[in-house]
Protein backbone atom coordinates (compact mmCIF):
# COMPACT_ATOMS: atom_id res chain seq x y z
CA MET A 1 -14.39 -7.42 -5.10
CA LYS A 2 -15.09 -7.98 -1.50
CA LYS A 3 -11.51 -8.95 -0.89
CA LEU A 4 -10.35 -5.57 -2.42
CA ILE A 5 -12.71 -3.75 0.12
CA SER A 6 -11.15 -5.83 2.82
CA LEU A 7 -7.68 -4.73 1.72
CA THR A 8 -8.71 -1.17 2.12
CA LEU A 9 -9.89 -1.73 5.66
CA VAL A 10 -6.77 -3.56 6.46
CA LEU A 11 -4.70 -0.80 4.90
CA VAL A 12 -6.34 1.99 7.02
CA PHE A 13 -6.31 -0.16 10.21
CA LEU A 14 -2.75 -1.18 9.92
CA LEU A 15 -1.24 2.09 8.77
CA SER A 16 -3.14 4.58 10.97
CA GLY A 17 -0.90 6.54 13.20
CA CYS A 18 2.91 6.53 13.06
CA VAL A 19 4.59 6.39 16.51
CA THR A 20 8.27 5.86 16.94
CA LYS A 21 10.90 6.71 19.63
CA GLN A 22 13.60 8.24 17.34
CA GLN A 23 13.49 11.55 15.30
CA THR A 24 14.71 9.87 12.13
CA ALA A 25 11.86 7.30 12.34
CA LYS A 26 9.37 10.04 13.08
CA SER A 27 10.68 12.00 10.16
CA TYR A 28 10.37 8.89 7.86
CA ASN A 29 6.79 8.31 9.16
CA ASP A 30 5.78 11.91 8.92
CA LYS A 31 6.98 11.91 5.23
CA VAL A 32 5.34 8.68 4.00
CA HIS A 33 2.13 8.87 6.00
CA PRO A 34 0.29 11.29 3.50
CA TYR A 35 1.20 8.78 0.89
CA VAL A 36 -0.23 6.03 2.96
CA LEU A 37 -3.47 7.96 3.21
CA ARG A 38 -3.65 8.80 -0.46
CA PHE A 39 -3.13 5.24 -1.41
CA ALA A 40 -5.68 3.87 1.02
CA ASP A 41 -8.19 6.44 -0.38
CA ALA A 42 -7.36 5.49 -4.00
CA VAL A 43 -7.80 1.75 -3.06
CA ALA A 44 -11.17 2.45 -1.53
CA LEU A 45 -12.20 4.39 -4.73
CA ALA A 46 -10.91 1.54 -7.05
CA SER A 47 -12.60 -1.12 -4.87
CA SER A 48 -15.94 0.48 -5.49
CA THR A 49 -15.39 1.05 -9.23
CA SER A 50 -16.72 -1.42 -11.84
CA ARG A 51 -14.21 -3.68 -13.64
CA GLY A 52 -14.64 -1.76 -16.92
CA ALA A 53 -14.02 1.63 -15.36
CA LEU A 54 -10.86 0.80 -13.31
CA SER A 55 -8.36 2.16 -15.64
CA GLY A 56 -8.39 5.62 -14.16
CA PRO A 57 -8.28 4.55 -10.50
CA VAL A 58 -5.49 2.04 -11.30
CA GLN A 59 -3.44 4.83 -13.02
CA GLU A 60 -3.88 6.93 -9.82
CA LEU A 61 -2.63 4.10 -7.69
CA GLN A 62 0.37 3.73 -9.98
CA LYS A 63 1.07 7.47 -9.81
CA ILE A 64 0.94 7.49 -6.00
CA LYS A 65 3.37 4.42 -6.01
CA ARG A 66 5.83 6.20 -8.31
CA GLU A 67 5.74 9.31 -6.00
CA THR A 68 6.22 7.13 -2.93
CA ASP A 69 9.05 5.39 -4.55
CA ALA A 70 10.72 8.64 -5.40
CA LEU A 71 10.86 9.89 -1.82
CA SER A 72 14.28 10.50 -0.21
CA ILE A 73 14.33 7.77 2.48
CA PRO A 74 16.80 7.56 5.39
CA GLU A 75 19.18 4.60 5.06
CA CYS A 76 17.85 2.97 8.14
CA ALA A 77 14.26 3.01 6.71
CA VAL A 78 14.92 1.62 3.28
CA LEU A 79 13.92 -2.01 4.04
CA VAL A 80 10.72 -0.84 5.79
CA HIS A 81 9.87 1.50 2.93
CA GLN A 82 10.41 -1.45 0.41
CA LEU A 83 7.69 -3.45 2.44
CA PHE A 84 5.28 -0.54 1.66
CA LEU A 85 6.22 -0.37 -1.92
CA ASP A 86 5.81 -4.16 -2.24
CA ALA A 87 2.39 -3.95 -0.77
CA MET A 88 1.47 -1.12 -3.26
CA ASP A 89 2.89 -3.33 -6.13
CA SER A 90 0.75 -6.24 -5.05
CA THR A 91 -2.31 -4.23 -4.59
CA ILE A 92 -1.85 -2.74 -8.24
CA SER A 93 -1.26 -6.14 -9.67
CA GLY A 94 -4.37 -7.40 -7.97
CA PHE A 95 -6.52 -4.62 -9.59
CA LEU A 96 -4.83 -5.30 -12.99
CA SER A 97 -5.40 -9.00 -12.63
CA TYR A 98 -8.96 -8.33 -11.90
CA MET A 99 -9.42 -6.00 -14.82
CA SER A 100 -7.96 -8.77 -17.01
CA ASN A 101 -10.59 -11.18 -15.89
CA ASP A 102 -8.02 -13.44 -14.39
CA ASP A 103 -8.97 -16.41 -12.05
CA GLU A 104 -10.18 -15.21 -8.82
CA SER A 105 -7.47 -17.26 -7.10
CA ILE A 106 -4.92 -15.13 -8.75
CA VAL A 107 -6.48 -11.87 -7.67
CA ALA A 108 -6.75 -13.20 -4.11
CA ALA A 109 -3.04 -14.27 -4.24
CA TYR A 110 -2.06 -10.59 -5.00
CA ILE A 111 -4.39 -9.23 -2.35
CA ALA A 112 -3.07 -11.77 0.16
CA ALA A 113 0.50 -10.63 -0.72
CA ALA A 114 -0.31 -7.07 -0.24
CA THR A 115 -1.91 -7.76 3.19
CA GLN A 116 1.05 -9.67 4.32
CA SER A 117 3.46 -6.83 3.17
CA LEU A 118 1.38 -4.28 4.94
CA LYS A 119 1.41 -6.37 8.22
CA GLU A 120 5.17 -6.69 7.92
CA TYR A 121 5.53 -2.95 7.20
CA ASN A 122 3.37 -2.12 10.14
CA VAL A 123 5.60 -4.19 12.55
CA ALA A 124 8.88 -3.20 10.92
CA ARG A 125 8.17 0.51 11.13
CA GLU A 126 8.08 0.26 14.90
CA TYR A 127 11.84 -0.61 14.80
CA ILE A 128 12.96 1.92 12.19
CA CYS A 129 16.56 3.10 12.97
CA GLU A 130 16.86 1.27 16.27
């Protein structure tokens, strides 16, 4: 569970502030940032929830992911957006794996994948539409 809390901190740290040079990139970041914050808040809540009570928080994570996936994204930001969606998927899979009592190494692998996708997203969004 400590790894899930660490993911929350990484999410907030890596995704705070959206600064780009071009208007299209700014528009993308302005559109997505509220979902980033909602997802980070939902991860924080899920991270502090007992295994048996995770169903509701995980459903909320899935809802935010679906809403984020449905956003209209500029063509030049599609790959960057996919990195965020990948991070969301890995995070949700990590919680589902934890709920299923999977081996800790499996849960850790999902969290590591989510963290890696978030790092790549954070770097890539600096170069949106360049």
